[in-house]
Amino acid sequence: MSFGNEGDGFPEKFQTAMKRKICVITGTRAEYGLLYWLMKEIQEDDALELRVIVTGMHLSPEFGLTWKKIEEDGFPIHKKVEMLLSSDTPVGITKSMGLGMNCCQFCKNDILQLSLSDSSFLAF
């Protein structure tokens, strides 16, 4: 699989220099398992730059601090966004979404990949 710049209308000398930035956001072990192979493909493609943002259950001691497993798998984490609140009320969900809204400002991504298994990801 290649998402390179070939044929994109750019002069040939610029085609290899430009990398597309793909940001993958993961908040649970379950969806990380689904995203793992996609992340591997992105990481192995010279035309792409993988950026990983972890949030939610990955950062919770209650759920085993699973962000460590992501790093053990060879994926550097670019940002950790603490937005897990122990409330499923509309107010709690809204607060959680607000905490996530600042997450993507720091990196100008070309593509954002997230799984919408949780309403808090609507913040992104």
C-alpha atoms as a PDB file:
ATOM      1  CA  MET A   1       0.000   0.000   0.000  1.00  0.00           C
ATOM      2  CA  SER A   2       1.385   3.380  -0.902  1.00  0.00           C
ATOM      3  CA  PHE A   3      -0.098   6.797  -0.422  1.00  0.00           C
ATOM      4  CA  GLY A   4       2.921   8.521  -1.936  1.00  0.00           C
ATOM      5  CA  ASN A   5       2.963  11.786  -3.793  1.00  0.00           C
ATOM      6  CA  GLU A   6       3.605  10.285  -7.223  1.00  0.00           C
ATOM      7  CA  GLY A   7       1.298  11.684  -9.848  1.00  0.00           C
ATOM      8  CA  ASP A   8      -0.093  14.391  -7.568  1.00  0.00           C
ATOM      9  CA  GLY A   9       0.866  17.169  -9.976  1.00  0.00           C
ATOM     10  CA  PHE A  10       3.928  18.195  -7.960  1.00  0.00           C
ATOM     11  CA  PRO A  11       7.292  18.556  -9.721  1.00  0.00           C
ATOM     12  CA  GLU A  12       9.245  15.308  -9.421  1.00  0.00           C
ATOM     13  CA  LYS A  13      11.972  16.827  -7.229  1.00  0.00           C
ATOM     14  CA  PHE A  14       9.351  17.608  -4.531  1.00  0.00           C
ATOM     15  CA  GLN A  15       7.460  14.326  -4.669  1.00  0.00           C
ATOM     16  CA  THR A  16       9.757  12.420  -2.304  1.00  0.00           C
ATOM     17  CA  ALA A  17      10.378  15.350   0.059  1.00  0.00           C
ATOM     18  CA  MET A  18       6.739  15.837   1.017  1.00  0.00           C
ATOM     19  CA  LYS A  19       5.265  13.454   3.557  1.00  0.00           C
ATOM     20  CA  ARG A  20       1.593  13.272   4.333  1.00  0.00           C
ATOM     21  CA  LYS A  21       0.935  13.488   8.054  1.00  0.00           C
ATOM     22  CA  ILE A  22      -1.597  10.938   9.264  1.00  0.00           C
ATOM     23  CA  CYS A  23      -2.821  11.311  12.823  1.00  0.00           C
ATOM     24  CA  VAL A  24      -4.377   8.273  14.500  1.00  0.00           C
ATOM     25  CA  ILE A  25      -6.342   8.875  17.682  1.00  0.00           C
ATOM     26  CA  THR A  26      -7.021   5.937  19.966  1.00  0.00           C
ATOM     27  CA  GLY A  27      -8.830   5.826  23.292  1.00  0.00           C
ATOM     28  CA  THR A  28      -9.443   2.137  24.047  1.00  0.00           C
ATOM     29  CA  ARG A  29      -7.658  -1.204  23.768  1.00  0.00           C
ATOM     30  CA  ALA A  30     -10.470  -2.535  21.600  1.00  0.00           C
ATOM     31  CA  GLU A  31     -10.117   0.041  18.851  1.00  0.00           C
ATOM     32  CA  TYR A  32      -6.334   0.082  19.131  1.00  0.00           C
ATOM     33  CA  GLY A  33      -6.452  -3.585  18.167  1.00  0.00           C
ATOM     34  CA  LEU A  34      -8.399  -2.632  15.058  1.00  0.00           C
ATOM     35  CA  LEU A  35      -6.068   0.288  14.255  1.00  0.00           C
ATOM     36  CA  TYR A  36      -2.792  -1.602  14.848  1.00  0.00           C
ATOM     37  CA  TRP A  37      -2.294  -2.913  11.309  1.00  0.00           C
ATOM     38  CA  LEU A  38      -3.302   0.388   9.734  1.00  0.00           C
ATOM     39  CA  MET A  39      -0.779   2.144  11.965  1.00  0.00           C
ATOM     40  CA  LYS A  40       1.920  -0.372  10.950  1.00  0.00           C
ATOM     41  CA  GLU A  41       1.207   0.229   7.244  1.00  0.00           C
ATOM     42  CA  ILE A  42       1.397   3.994   7.724  1.00  0.00           C
ATOM     43  CA  GLN A  43       4.612   3.714   9.738  1.00  0.00           C
ATOM     44  CA  GLU A  44       6.284   1.555   7.072  1.00  0.00           C
ATOM     45  CA  ASP A  45       5.352   3.838   4.165  1.00  0.00           C
ATOM     46  CA  ASP A  46       8.167   6.314   3.427  1.00  0.00           C
ATOM     47  CA  ALA A  47       5.690   8.817   1.979  1.00  0.00           C
ATOM     48  CA  LEU A  48       3.734   9.021   5.244  1.00  0.00           C
ATOM     49  CA  GLU A  49       4.387  10.306   8.740  1.00  0.00           C
ATOM     50  CA  LEU A  50       2.423   8.626  11.532  1.00  0.00           C
ATOM     51  CA  ARG A  51       1.331  10.703  14.490  1.00  0.00           C
ATOM     52  CA  VAL A  52      -0.345   8.964  17.411  1.00  0.00           C
ATOM     53  CA  ILE A  53      -2.581  10.627  19.970  1.00  0.00           C
ATOM     54  CA  VAL A  54      -3.762   8.568  22.927  1.00  0.00           C
ATOM     55  CA  THR A  55      -6.640   9.466  25.167  1.00  0.00           C
ATOM     56  CA  GLY A  56      -9.408   7.965  27.249  1.00  0.00           C
ATOM     57  CA  MET A  57      -8.900   4.560  28.823  1.00  0.00           C
ATOM     58  CA  HIS A  58      -5.287   4.301  27.594  1.00  0.00           C
ATOM     59  CA  LEU A  59      -4.288   6.903  30.182  1.00  0.00           C
ATOM     60  CA  SER A  60      -6.210   5.451  33.109  1.00  0.00           C
ATOM     61  CA  PRO A  61      -4.503   3.350  35.812  1.00  0.00           C
ATOM     62  CA  GLU A  62      -7.894   1.709  36.311  1.00  0.00           C
ATOM     63  CA  PHE A  63      -7.632   0.254  32.790  1.00  0.00           C
ATOM     64  CA  GLY A  64      -3.938  -0.642  32.968  1.00  0.00           C
ATOM     65  CA  LEU A  65      -2.230   2.410  31.426  1.00  0.00           C
ATOM     66  CA  THR A  66      -2.402   0.744  28.019  1.00  0.00           C
ATOM     67  CA  TRP A  67      -0.569   3.628  26.330  1.00  0.00           C
ATOM     68  CA  LYS A  68       2.572   1.757  27.400  1.00  0.00           C
ATOM     69  CA  LYS A  69       1.605  -1.177  25.147  1.00  0.00           C
ATOM     70  CA  ILE A  70       1.313   1.209  22.181  1.00  0.00           C
ATOM     71  CA  GLU A  71       4.883   2.397  22.789  1.00  0.00           C
ATOM     72  CA  GLU A  72       6.064  -1.202  23.272  1.00  0.00           C
ATOM     73  CA  ASP A  73       4.574  -1.981  19.858  1.00  0.00           C
ATOM     74  CA  GLY A  74       6.934   0.616  18.395  1.00  0.00           C
ATOM     75  CA  PHE A  75       4.592   3.568  17.945  1.00  0.00           C
ATOM     76  CA  PRO A  76       5.863   6.840  19.404  1.00  0.00           C
ATOM     77  CA  ILE A  77       3.079   8.787  21.091  1.00  0.00           C
ATOM     78  CA  HIS A  78       2.956  12.399  19.984  1.00  0.00           C
ATOM     79  CA  LYS A  79       0.361  13.595  22.459  1.00  0.00           C
ATOM     80  CA  LYS A  80      -1.561  12.269  25.455  1.00  0.00           C
ATOM     81  CA  VAL A  81      -4.920  13.939  25.978  1.00  0.00           C
ATOM     82  CA  GLU A  82      -6.467  13.388  29.398  1.00  0.00           C
ATOM     83  CA  MET A  83     -10.199  13.606  28.831  1.00  0.00           C
ATOM     84  CA  LEU A  84     -11.657  10.579  30.596  1.00  0.00           C
ATOM     85  CA  LEU A  85     -14.175  11.658  33.200  1.00  0.00           C
ATOM     86  CA  SER A  86     -16.094   9.273  35.414  1.00  0.00           C
ATOM     87  CA  SER A  87     -19.454  10.582  34.279  1.00  0.00           C
ATOM     88  CA  ASP A  88     -21.788   9.484  31.507  1.00  0.00           C
ATOM     89  CA  THR A  89     -24.158  12.375  32.013  1.00  0.00           C
ATOM     90  CA  PRO A  90     -24.649  14.896  29.196  1.00  0.00           C
ATOM     91  CA  VAL A  91     -22.636  17.441  31.191  1.00  0.00           C
ATOM     92  CA  GLY A  92     -19.795  14.949  31.794  1.00  0.00           C
ATOM     93  CA  ILE A  93     -19.673  13.982  28.110  1.00  0.00           C
ATOM     94  CA  THR A  94     -19.640  17.639  27.089  1.00  0.00           C
ATOM     95  CA  LYS A  95     -16.773  18.381  29.489  1.00  0.00           C
ATOM     96  CA  SER A  96     -14.844  15.416  28.116  1.00  0.00           C
ATOM     97  CA  MET A  97     -15.375  16.639  24.551  1.00  0.00           C
ATOM     98  CA  GLY A  98     -14.169  20.095  25.557  1.00  0.00           C
ATOM     99  CA  LEU A  99     -10.945  18.630  26.922  1.00  0.00           C
ATOM    100  CA  GLY A 100     -10.311  16.896  23.604  1.00  0.00           C
ATOM    101  CA  MET A 101     -10.935  19.896  21.390  1.00  0.00           C
ATOM    102  CA  ASN A 102      -7.472  21.359  21.904  1.00  0.00           C
ATOM    103  CA  CYS A 103      -5.780  18.122  20.944  1.00  0.00           C
ATOM    104  CA  CYS A 104      -5.301  18.525  17.209  1.00  0.00           C
ATOM    105  CA  GLN A 105      -4.194  22.160  17.203  1.00  0.00           C
ATOM    106  CA  PHE A 106      -0.531  21.323  17.703  1.00  0.00           C
ATOM    107  CA  CYS A 107      -0.077  19.197  14.592  1.00  0.00           C
ATOM    108  CA  LYS A 108      -1.218  20.164  11.143  1.00  0.00           C
ATOM    109  CA  ASN A 109      -2.323  16.776   9.853  1.00  0.00           C
ATOM    110  CA  ASP A 110      -3.283  15.871   6.324  1.00  0.00           C
ATOM    111  CA  ILE A 111      -5.519  13.002   7.456  1.00  0.00           C
ATOM    112  CA  LEU A 112      -7.142  12.268  10.816  1.00  0.00           C
ATOM    113  CA  GLN A 113      -8.123   8.659  11.602  1.00  0.00           C
ATOM    114  CA  LEU A 114     -10.371   7.957  14.547  1.00  0.00           C
ATOM    115  CA  SER A 115     -12.985   5.445  15.540  1.00  0.00           C
ATOM    116  CA  LEU A 116     -16.320   6.850  16.558  1.00  0.00           C
ATOM    117  CA  SER A 117     -17.150   4.237  19.150  1.00  0.00           C
ATOM    118  CA  ASP A 118     -17.364   6.951  21.774  1.00  0.00           C
ATOM    119  CA  SER A 119     -19.129  10.292  21.612  1.00  0.00           C
ATOM    120  CA  SER A 120     -16.100  12.028  23.128  1.00  0.00           C
ATOM    121  CA  PHE A 121     -14.296  11.609  19.778  1.00  0.00           C
ATOM    122  CA  LEU A 122     -16.759  14.052  18.241  1.00  0.00           C
ATOM    123  CA  ALA A 123     -14.496  16.713  19.769  1.00  0.00           C
ATOM    124  CA  PHE A 124     -11.869  15.960  17.159  1.00  0.00           C
END
